[in-house]
Amino acid sequence: MAVTTICDAELVEEQGATHHAPPGLQQLSLSGLNLTEVSVSHFTSLTELDLSHNRLKCLAGQLLPLTRLEVLNLHNNKLHSMAGELDGLEKLHTLVLSGNDLKTLRDTFLFCELPALRHLDLRGAAKNNRVRPGHMPWQ
C-alpha cells in the first residue's frame, strides 16, 4: 500500500485508509514515498522534516507555518525553485537540497532570513547553474 499524498494531519493511502498524526509530533519522515504533493502545514510542532526521495516539484507555501523547524531534508526531489518557501524559518540550522534541479540559486535563497543556518547541502541541486566551489550564489 503506497502513500501518494499527505494532507493536513492525515496520511491518505491509495486504498482510502487514513491514519491521524499524533499531536505534538516533532519528527516526521516521508522519505521515499514517491509523493508528488504534500500538505504538512498543520504539523506546526515539527522540528525535523524529511521529504527526501520523492517527486515534489514545489512546496506551495507548506513550510511557512513550520516555524519550529530545525532540520529540513528535501534531497532527491524535482524542485525547481524554493523562492519564498523558507521565509520565517528562523530556527532552521540544516537544509539539504541536493539532487534537485533548482533553476536559479541567486533568486531562490535569502539567507539573511535564516540566521541559524549552519549546514547547507546543494550538491547536484543546480545542474544548470554554474556555481564555482567557494563562490556561493548570494555573494
Protein backbone atom coordinates (compact mmCIF):
# COMPACT_ATOMS: atom_id res chain seq x y z
CA MET A 1 0.00 0.00 0.00
CA ALA A 2 1.76 3.19 -1.16
CA VAL A 3 1.08 6.63 0.25
CA THR A 4 0.57 9.17 -2.51
CA THR A 5 -0.50 12.35 -0.74
CA ILE A 6 -0.09 13.79 2.73
CA CYS A 7 -3.00 16.02 3.76
CA ASP A 8 -3.17 18.13 6.96
CA ALA A 9 -2.90 15.71 9.95
CA GLU A 10 -3.81 12.67 7.86
CA LEU A 11 -1.91 10.17 5.76
CA VAL A 12 -4.12 9.31 2.82
CA GLU A 13 -3.34 5.92 1.29
CA GLU A 14 -4.33 4.66 -2.13
CA GLN A 15 -6.85 2.22 -0.63
CA GLY A 16 -8.58 5.05 1.25
CA ALA A 17 -7.48 4.19 4.80
CA THR A 18 -6.37 7.17 6.89
CA HIS A 19 -4.08 7.48 9.90
CA HIS A 20 -4.02 10.58 12.09
CA ALA A 21 -0.70 12.05 13.20
CA PRO A 22 -0.23 12.38 16.96
CA PRO A 23 -0.43 15.91 18.40
CA GLY A 24 2.93 17.45 19.27
CA LEU A 25 4.74 15.50 16.55
CA GLN A 26 8.35 16.74 16.33
CA GLN A 27 9.94 14.45 13.74
CA LEU A 28 8.31 13.31 10.52
CA SER A 29 9.90 11.22 7.78
CA LEU A 30 8.05 10.86 4.50
CA SER A 31 11.14 9.74 2.62
CA GLY A 32 10.89 7.50 -0.42
CA LEU A 33 7.11 7.53 -0.75
CA ASN A 34 7.04 8.91 -4.33
CA LEU A 35 4.91 11.86 -3.19
CA THR A 36 4.05 14.42 -5.83
CA GLU A 37 2.44 16.86 -3.40
CA VAL A 38 2.44 17.32 0.33
CA SER A 39 0.38 19.25 2.84
CA VAL A 40 2.24 19.44 6.14
CA SER A 41 1.34 22.95 7.28
CA HIS A 42 -0.83 21.50 10.08
CA PHE A 43 2.21 19.90 11.78
CA THR A 44 3.35 23.14 13.46
CA SER A 45 5.29 21.36 16.23
CA LEU A 46 7.75 19.73 13.78
CA THR A 47 11.45 20.33 14.36
CA GLU A 48 12.64 17.79 11.77
CA LEU A 49 11.05 17.04 8.40
CA ASP A 50 12.40 14.55 5.87
CA LEU A 51 10.77 14.75 2.44
CA SER A 52 13.72 13.22 0.60
CA HIS A 53 13.45 10.78 -2.32
CA ASN A 54 10.03 11.87 -3.55
CA ARG A 55 8.78 13.60 -6.72
CA LEU A 56 7.92 17.02 -5.29
CA LYS A 57 8.10 19.88 -7.81
CA CYS A 58 7.00 22.66 -5.45
CA LEU A 59 6.03 23.11 -1.82
CA ALA A 60 3.32 25.75 -2.32
CA GLY A 61 3.93 27.53 0.99
CA GLN A 62 3.54 24.38 3.10
CA LEU A 63 6.66 25.14 5.18
CA LEU A 64 5.68 28.68 6.19
CA PRO A 65 3.72 27.67 9.35
CA LEU A 66 6.53 25.34 10.50
CA THR A 67 8.38 28.00 12.47
CA ARG A 68 9.95 25.43 14.85
CA LEU A 69 11.63 23.55 12.00
CA GLU A 70 15.37 23.00 12.58
CA VAL A 71 16.20 20.27 10.04
CA LEU A 72 14.74 20.05 6.54
CA ASN A 73 15.76 17.32 4.11
CA LEU A 74 14.49 17.76 0.54
CA HIS A 75 17.18 15.61 -1.12
CA ASN A 76 16.37 13.99 -4.46
CA ASN A 77 13.08 15.59 -5.46
CA LYS A 78 12.19 17.57 -8.59
CA LEU A 79 12.17 21.04 -7.04
CA HIS A 80 12.81 23.91 -9.48
CA SER A 81 12.58 26.81 -7.03
CA MET A 82 12.47 27.50 -3.31
CA ALA A 83 11.65 31.18 -3.69
CA GLY A 84 9.71 32.33 -0.63
CA GLU A 85 9.45 28.81 0.78
CA LEU A 86 11.93 29.38 3.62
CA ASP A 87 10.59 32.69 4.95
CA GLY A 88 10.20 32.71 8.72
CA LEU A 89 12.17 29.52 9.37
CA GLU A 90 14.48 31.28 11.80
CA LYS A 91 15.41 28.08 13.70
CA LEU A 92 16.39 26.12 10.57
CA HIS A 93 20.02 25.05 11.01
CA THR A 94 20.25 22.18 8.48
CA LEU A 95 18.94 22.39 4.92
CA VAL A 96 19.50 19.63 2.36
CA LEU A 97 18.55 20.45 -1.23
CA SER A 98 20.97 18.14 -3.03
CA GLY A 99 19.71 16.19 -6.03
CA ASN A 100 17.09 18.70 -7.17
CA ASP A 101 17.00 20.88 -10.28
CA LEU A 102 16.88 24.40 -8.87
CA LYS A 103 16.83 26.86 -11.75
CA THR A 104 18.21 29.98 -10.08
CA LEU A 105 20.12 29.83 -6.84
CA ARG A 106 20.63 33.60 -6.54
CA ASP A 107 16.88 34.31 -6.51
CA THR A 108 15.90 31.22 -4.55
CA PHE A 109 17.55 31.91 -1.19
CA LEU A 110 17.58 34.84 1.17
CA PHE A 111 19.99 33.54 3.78
CA CYS A 112 19.75 36.68 5.87
CA GLU A 113 16.31 35.31 6.83
CA LEU A 114 17.88 32.05 8.05
CA PRO A 115 20.01 33.22 10.97
CA ALA A 116 20.51 29.72 12.46
CA LEU A 117 21.59 28.05 9.20
CA ARG A 118 24.83 26.12 9.75
CA HIS A 119 24.67 23.26 7.24
CA LEU A 120 23.60 23.69 3.63
CA ASP A 121 23.86 20.88 1.08
CA LEU A 122 23.41 21.98 -2.54
CA ARG A 123 25.33 19.13 -4.21
CA GLY A 124 23.73 18.47 -7.58
CA ALA A 125 20.88 20.86 -6.78
CA ALA A 126 21.67 23.30 -9.55
CA LYS A 127 22.61 21.26 -12.57
CA ASN A 128 22.06 24.17 -14.96
CA ASN A 129 23.77 26.79 -12.77
CA ARG A 130 27.47 27.49 -12.79
CA VAL A 131 28.49 27.74 -9.17
CA ARG A 132 32.22 27.50 -8.57
CA PRO A 133 33.49 25.96 -5.32
CA GLY A 134 33.98 28.74 -2.79
CA HIS A 135 31.57 31.05 -4.64
CA MET A 136 28.10 30.97 -3.15
CA PRO A 137 25.18 32.31 -5.18
CA TRP A 138 24.16 35.00 -2.68
CA GLN A 139 27.59 36.70 -2.72
